[in-house]
Structures are given as structure tokens and as C-alpha cells.
Amino acid sequence: MTATTTGSALLDAVRAGTRVIELGHPLYTGMPSSPNHPGFRMTLERRHGDAVRPDGGSASNEVIVTGGHVGTHVDALAHVSHEGLLHGGIDAAEAQRGGKHTAHGAETIPPMVTRGVLLDVAAVHGVDTLEGGYGVTAEDLAAAAGRAGAEPGRGDVALVRTGWGRLFGDAAAYLGKESGVPGVTVDGARWLAERGVVATGSDTTAYEQIPAGAGHRVLPVHRVLLVEHGIHIVEHLALEDAAAAGLGEFLAVFAPLRIVGGTGAPVRPLAVVAA
């Protein structure tokens, strides 16, 4: 098949009509963020009327201050090390000299235009939201894949819905310091790694199973995915619209910002389906 015919086939699919479902949260001052990361702040640096051009025109602009792991974002492989090593055995201390990572920085996160699979674990259990601290196991993920009629495979993006994103408007409840937060367990992470996904994400702040009162003390799933297998993690997803639409598999479009040497990057993830 030539490049021309390939392009035509893609354009024909678009011309036939598509629907886009947002998979991320909008960014705003005061939004929930992990206690391990600086929060998001935006303010107007210039307002309309501060300066008026001779023709009557005026402009406004803002200043944004944020960490790389705030709002819906993708973890770079530089984000977590284990026993001093990043993915591939790279020395973490050496890689971070000079104020940025020289290996596995956020600019190396690939753009993802690939098959996505929604693993709706909350729906498998017949609830809107899993209980705080619930551990999403390999068995849960397999059951969710069966429900979706689509098992994640090599190069796919697997999104795990716990229903916890329904609490995003209440920062204290969403962060779950007292209640704990549901998340994927180590055996669940290994199940995903065995299937060769390029990335996996969830509708929580840390992707991990966080027991009540434990906080983000240890992050074993980050170690399994980022360090051992080079699989990117997407956090703070908004999956309620996707669940309401009954998505199983879809075209996933994830284009993280190319922040050179960063450990994470904001992203606006989309699910594209036929209209």
C-alpha cells in the first residue's frame, strides 16, 4: 500500500464522521494534585485595557506555574528509579545532573495514536465507584477486558476506570488521605506488562492502590511499569464520559508536551470513535 492510499483511507474514515470524547480534566487553579508535586496556578499577567493600541485593540495574557505531574499527565521513564537505576539500567544520579534529565526525559514520551481499551473495573463490580483502598487485580482487569470485548495488546493504551474520578471536584475526597484510593496492584501491572501496552492510566492521582492512611509512601506499580518494563503511566484521567458512552476499544490520541529533561508532561487525551 502506498503512502497516498494509506492517507486516503485515513481521510475517508474521518470524512465518514467521528466523535471525540475527552479523557482528561481541564486545568484550573485549586484543582486536586498529589502532595508530592507542586500544584497548578494560573493568573492573568495582563488584562484587557491595561494597554490599548492606537486602533483600539487590547490583549490579555496569563502566567502559568505548574508541576509536570499536575492534572491529566503522562509519566516519563525518568520519573521513578529503583536502587539508583532508571529503566534500562541507567544511573539515575548521573542522568539528572544539570537540572534536567539527560535520559528518559518527557520529550522522549512517544505521541500515541493507537488502539485504546477501556477496562471498566467499577462496572465489573456493579458500582459507580470502587471503595477507597481497593486493589485492582489481574483478575479484575481480565474481567473488565471480557466485559469490553477487547483485551489490550502490544502497543495499546489501557485505561482503568475505578470511578474515583467522580470525586475530582472535591480535592480532599479525591486525594483520599483518610479513605485510601483504589488502584492497580502489582499483579495487575504485570498482567498489563505481559500484554505489551505502551501506556496505561487511571482516573486517580497515583494509579497505585493506596490503603487508608498510607499516603504515597511506596509506589510498587510505578516500579514495575516505569522501571522494569518502560511502560508510561497516565494519571488524573476523566473516564466518566467514556464509560457512559459504553466504550470498549477506540482510537486513542495522546500527545504529551515535549518538555526536555522533564519527568512528566501534561496531555489532552482523546478517544475517537465513529459518529
Protein backbone atom coordinates (compact mmCIF):
# COMPACT_ATOMS: atom_id res chain seq x y z
CA MET A 1 0.00 0.00 0.00
CA THR A 2 1.40 3.42 -0.92
CA ALA A 3 1.53 6.43 1.36
CA THR A 4 -1.10 8.10 -0.82
CA THR A 5 -3.61 5.27 -0.47
CA THR A 6 -2.91 4.96 3.25
CA GLY A 7 -3.57 8.66 3.70
CA SER A 8 -6.74 8.42 1.65
CA ALA A 9 -8.03 5.57 3.79
CA LEU A 10 -7.46 7.59 6.95
CA LEU A 11 -9.13 10.65 5.48
CA ASP A 12 -12.06 8.56 4.25
CA ALA A 13 -12.59 7.32 7.81
CA VAL A 14 -12.59 10.91 9.07
CA ARG A 15 -14.95 12.06 6.32
CA ALA A 16 -17.35 9.27 7.29
CA GLY A 17 -17.74 11.04 10.62
CA THR A 18 -16.11 10.74 14.02
CA ARG A 19 -16.97 11.61 17.60
CA VAL A 20 -14.37 12.79 20.09
CA ILE A 21 -14.65 12.03 23.81
CA GLU A 22 -12.40 13.92 26.23
CA LEU A 23 -10.42 11.68 28.57
CA GLY A 24 -8.77 14.41 30.65
CA HIS A 25 -9.66 17.17 33.08
CA PRO A 26 -9.40 20.90 32.32
CA LEU A 27 -6.64 22.71 34.21
CA TYR A 28 -7.62 25.27 36.86
CA THR A 29 -6.20 26.89 39.96
CA GLY A 30 -7.09 24.85 43.04
CA MET A 31 -7.53 21.54 41.21
CA PRO A 32 -6.52 18.41 43.15
CA SER A 33 -2.86 17.43 42.90
CA SER A 34 -0.65 14.90 44.59
CA PRO A 35 1.02 16.15 47.79
CA ASN A 36 4.32 15.07 46.19
CA HIS A 37 4.03 17.69 43.44
CA PRO A 38 3.59 21.47 43.19
CA GLY A 39 0.07 22.48 42.22
CA PHE A 40 -1.30 24.33 39.20
CA ARG A 41 -1.58 28.12 39.29
CA MET A 42 -2.79 30.46 36.56
CA THR A 43 -3.32 34.21 36.76
CA LEU A 44 -3.76 36.98 34.24
CA GLU A 45 -0.49 38.88 33.83
CA ARG A 46 -2.11 41.44 31.52
CA ARG A 47 -5.78 42.34 31.33
CA HIS A 48 -7.76 43.97 28.55
CA GLY A 49 -7.44 47.70 28.97
CA ASP A 50 -4.03 47.63 30.68
CA ALA A 51 -2.62 48.67 27.34
CA VAL A 52 -4.72 49.87 24.41
CA ARG A 53 -3.29 50.10 20.91
CA PRO A 54 -3.85 53.20 18.74
CA ASP A 55 -6.54 51.33 16.79
CA GLY A 56 -8.45 50.46 19.98
CA GLY A 57 -7.25 46.87 20.21
CA SER A 58 -6.23 45.29 23.50
CA ALA A 59 -4.82 41.91 24.53
CA SER A 60 -4.75 39.77 27.63
CA ASN A 61 -2.31 37.03 28.62
CA GLU A 62 -1.51 34.81 31.57
CA VAL A 63 1.27 33.31 33.68
CA ILE A 64 1.10 29.58 34.39
CA VAL A 65 3.09 27.81 37.11
CA THR A 66 2.74 24.05 37.37
CA GLY A 67 4.49 20.80 38.08
CA GLY A 68 4.77 18.19 35.36
CA HIS A 69 2.54 15.76 37.27
CA VAL A 70 -0.47 18.01 37.79
CA GLY A 71 -3.78 17.47 36.05
CA THR A 72 -4.02 14.80 33.36
CA HIS A 73 -0.43 13.94 32.52
CA VAL A 74 1.94 11.21 31.34
CA ASP A 75 4.85 9.97 33.46
CA ALA A 76 8.18 9.91 31.68
CA LEU A 77 10.52 6.99 32.38
CA ALA A 78 12.79 9.44 34.25
CA HIS A 79 10.13 9.82 36.93
CA VAL A 80 10.97 6.78 39.09
CA SER A 81 14.17 4.91 39.85
CA HIS A 82 14.79 1.75 41.83
CA GLU A 83 18.00 1.19 43.75
CA GLY A 84 19.53 4.11 41.89
CA LEU A 85 18.64 2.96 38.40
CA LEU A 86 16.14 4.13 35.77
CA HIS A 87 14.63 1.89 33.11
CA GLY A 88 17.30 0.08 31.14
CA GLY A 89 19.84 0.23 33.97
CA ILE A 90 20.63 3.94 33.51
CA ASP A 91 22.26 5.59 36.54
CA ALA A 92 19.63 8.00 37.88
CA ALA A 93 22.07 10.31 39.67
CA GLU A 94 24.19 10.79 36.56
CA ALA A 95 21.14 11.27 34.33
CA GLN A 96 19.76 14.14 36.41
CA ARG A 97 22.86 16.33 36.61
CA GLY A 98 22.49 19.88 35.31
CA GLY A 99 18.89 20.45 36.31
CA LYS A 100 17.25 18.18 33.78
CA HIS A 101 17.24 14.51 32.85
CA THR A 102 19.55 13.59 30.00
CA ALA A 103 17.87 10.17 29.63
CA HIS A 104 14.19 9.23 29.53
CA GLY A 105 13.02 12.85 29.74
CA ALA A 106 9.46 13.85 28.92
CA GLU A 107 10.48 14.78 25.37
CA THR A 108 11.04 11.05 24.74
CA ILE A 109 7.45 10.06 25.59
CA PRO A 110 6.08 8.96 22.22
CA PRO A 111 2.97 10.52 20.72
CA MET A 112 0.31 7.84 20.93
CA VAL A 113 -2.18 7.46 18.10
CA THR A 114 -3.10 3.87 18.71
CA ARG A 115 -5.75 1.44 19.87
CA GLY A 116 -7.15 2.24 23.29
CA VAL A 117 -9.05 -0.13 25.55
CA LEU A 118 -11.26 0.97 28.45
CA LEU A 119 -11.12 -1.51 31.33
CA ASP A 120 -14.13 -0.51 33.43
CA VAL A 121 -13.43 -2.29 36.71
CA ALA A 122 -16.09 -0.34 38.60
CA ALA A 123 -18.72 -1.60 36.14
CA VAL A 124 -17.45 -5.17 36.55
CA HIS A 125 -18.25 -4.85 40.26
CA GLY A 126 -21.61 -3.20 39.57
CA VAL A 127 -20.73 0.05 41.34
CA ASP A 128 -20.25 3.68 40.33
CA THR A 129 -17.02 3.95 42.33
CA LEU A 130 -14.73 1.32 43.82
CA GLU A 131 -14.08 1.56 47.54
CA GLY A 132 -11.11 3.57 48.76
CA GLY A 133 -8.04 1.39 49.02
CA TYR A 134 -9.42 -1.34 46.74
CA GLY A 135 -6.73 -3.25 44.85
CA VAL A 136 -7.42 -3.80 41.15
CA THR A 137 -6.03 -7.26 40.40
CA ALA A 138 -5.11 -9.11 37.24
CA GLU A 139 -8.40 -10.99 37.62
CA ASP A 140 -10.29 -7.67 37.70
CA LEU A 141 -8.53 -6.46 34.56
CA ALA A 142 -9.21 -9.71 32.73
CA ALA A 143 -12.89 -9.49 33.70
CA ALA A 144 -13.04 -5.88 32.51
CA ALA A 145 -11.44 -6.87 29.20
CA GLY A 146 -14.05 -9.60 28.81
CA ARG A 147 -16.81 -7.09 29.51
CA ALA A 148 -15.35 -4.70 26.92
CA GLY A 149 -14.88 -7.46 24.38
CA ALA A 150 -11.37 -6.14 23.85
CA GLU A 151 -8.17 -7.25 25.57
CA PRO A 152 -5.24 -4.80 25.45
CA GLY A 153 -2.31 -5.85 23.29
CA ARG A 154 1.09 -4.75 22.09
CA GLY A 155 1.36 -1.00 21.54
CA ASP A 156 -2.09 -0.29 23.01
CA VAL A 157 -3.12 2.18 25.71
CA ALA A 158 -5.08 0.52 28.53
CA LEU A 159 -7.25 2.82 30.66
CA VAL A 160 -8.51 1.55 34.02
CA ARG A 161 -11.73 3.05 35.33
CA THR A 162 -12.25 2.89 39.09
CA GLY A 163 -14.96 5.57 39.18
CA TRP A 164 -12.79 7.61 41.57
CA GLY A 165 -12.67 10.45 39.05
CA ARG A 166 -16.26 11.23 40.04
CA LEU A 167 -14.75 12.81 43.18
CA PHE A 168 -12.38 15.13 41.29
CA GLY A 169 -14.37 18.25 42.25
CA ASP A 170 -13.74 17.56 45.95
CA ALA A 171 -9.96 17.68 46.42
CA ALA A 172 -9.90 16.14 49.90
CA ALA A 173 -12.14 13.23 48.93
CA TYR A 174 -10.30 12.67 45.65
CA LEU A 175 -6.84 12.56 47.25
CA GLY A 176 -8.26 10.08 49.78
CA LYS A 177 -5.82 10.58 52.63
CA GLU A 178 -8.24 9.09 55.13
CA SER A 179 -10.23 6.76 52.88
CA GLY A 180 -7.46 5.39 50.68
CA VAL A 181 -7.68 5.32 46.89
CA PRO A 182 -8.40 2.35 44.60
CA GLY A 183 -5.70 1.38 42.17
CA VAL A 184 -3.91 -1.32 40.25
CA THR A 185 -1.91 -3.88 42.22
CA VAL A 186 1.48 -5.32 41.29
CA ASP A 187 -0.08 -8.43 39.78
CA GLY A 188 -2.44 -6.23 37.77
CA ALA A 189 0.52 -4.21 36.50
CA ARG A 190 2.32 -7.39 35.48
CA TRP A 191 -0.81 -8.55 33.60
CA LEU A 192 -0.70 -5.34 31.57
CA ALA A 193 3.05 -5.60 31.02
CA GLU A 194 2.67 -9.15 29.70
CA ARG A 195 0.36 -7.77 27.02
CA GLY A 196 2.92 -5.21 25.87
CA VAL A 197 0.93 -2.00 26.31
CA VAL A 198 2.80 1.23 25.60
CA ALA A 199 0.95 3.10 28.36
CA THR A 200 -1.73 2.60 30.96
CA GLY A 201 -3.67 5.11 33.00
CA SER A 202 -6.43 5.54 35.52
CA ASP A 203 -8.85 8.09 36.97
CA THR A 204 -6.86 8.60 40.19
CA THR A 205 -3.93 10.69 41.35
CA ALA A 206 -1.29 7.96 41.62
CA TYR A 207 -2.51 4.93 39.63
CA GLU A 208 -1.47 2.80 42.64
CA GLN A 209 -3.58 1.07 45.26
CA ILE A 210 -3.34 3.46 48.23
CA PRO A 211 -4.58 1.94 51.53
CA ALA A 212 -6.37 4.22 54.01
CA GLY A 213 -3.89 6.43 55.88
CA ALA A 214 -0.88 5.14 53.94
CA GLY A 215 -0.39 8.04 51.55
CA HIS A 216 2.16 7.79 48.75
CA ARG A 217 4.81 6.12 50.91
CA VAL A 218 5.69 3.39 48.41
CA LEU A 219 4.85 3.10 44.70
CA PRO A 220 5.50 -0.51 43.65
CA VAL A 221 3.38 -0.35 40.50
CA HIS A 222 5.40 2.63 39.25
CA ARG A 223 8.50 0.49 39.68
CA VAL A 224 7.00 -2.41 37.74
CA LEU A 225 5.69 -0.29 34.88
CA LEU A 226 8.21 2.55 34.52
CA VAL A 227 11.46 0.99 35.69
CA GLU A 228 11.10 -2.70 34.87
CA HIS A 229 9.05 -2.52 31.66
CA GLY A 230 9.32 1.03 30.26
CA ILE A 231 5.53 1.47 30.22
CA HIS A 232 4.26 5.04 30.62
CA ILE A 233 1.64 5.87 33.24
CA VAL A 234 -1.20 8.35 32.71
CA GLU A 235 -2.83 9.84 35.82
CA HIS A 236 -5.83 12.04 36.61
CA LEU A 237 -7.86 10.73 33.68
CA ALA A 238 -11.52 11.65 33.29
CA LEU A 239 -13.26 8.44 32.24
CA GLU A 240 -16.92 9.01 33.12
CA ASP A 241 -17.95 10.20 29.66
CA ALA A 242 -16.14 7.27 28.06
CA ALA A 243 -17.90 4.86 30.41
CA ALA A 244 -21.29 6.47 29.76
CA ALA A 245 -20.66 6.06 26.02
CA GLY A 246 -20.02 2.35 26.56
CA LEU A 247 -16.54 2.46 25.07
CA GLY A 248 -14.59 -0.77 24.79
CA GLU A 249 -11.92 -0.18 22.17
CA PHE A 250 -11.32 3.12 20.39
CA LEU A 251 -8.69 5.23 18.68
CA ALA A 252 -6.60 6.83 21.43
CA VAL A 253 -4.85 10.13 20.69
CA PHE A 254 -2.33 11.19 23.36
CA ALA A 255 0.23 13.93 22.55
CA PRO A 256 2.19 14.88 25.71
CA LEU A 257 4.09 18.16 25.79
CA ARG A 258 7.76 17.70 24.82
CA ILE A 259 9.38 19.06 27.99
CA VAL A 260 13.11 18.45 27.58
CA GLY A 261 14.53 16.65 30.60
CA GLY A 262 11.20 16.64 32.45
CA THR A 263 9.76 13.75 34.45
CA GLY A 264 6.17 14.21 33.34
CA ALA A 265 4.13 16.14 30.80
CA PRO A 266 0.57 17.47 30.64
CA VAL A 267 -1.58 15.83 27.98
CA ARG A 268 -5.05 16.26 26.48
CA PRO A 269 -6.08 12.66 25.77
CA LEU A 270 -8.88 11.92 23.34
CA ALA A 271 -10.93 8.88 22.38
CA VAL A 272 -12.03 8.99 18.75
CA VAL A 273 -14.89 6.76 17.64
CA ALA A 274 -17.20 6.54 14.65
CA ALA A 275 -20.08 9.00 14.76
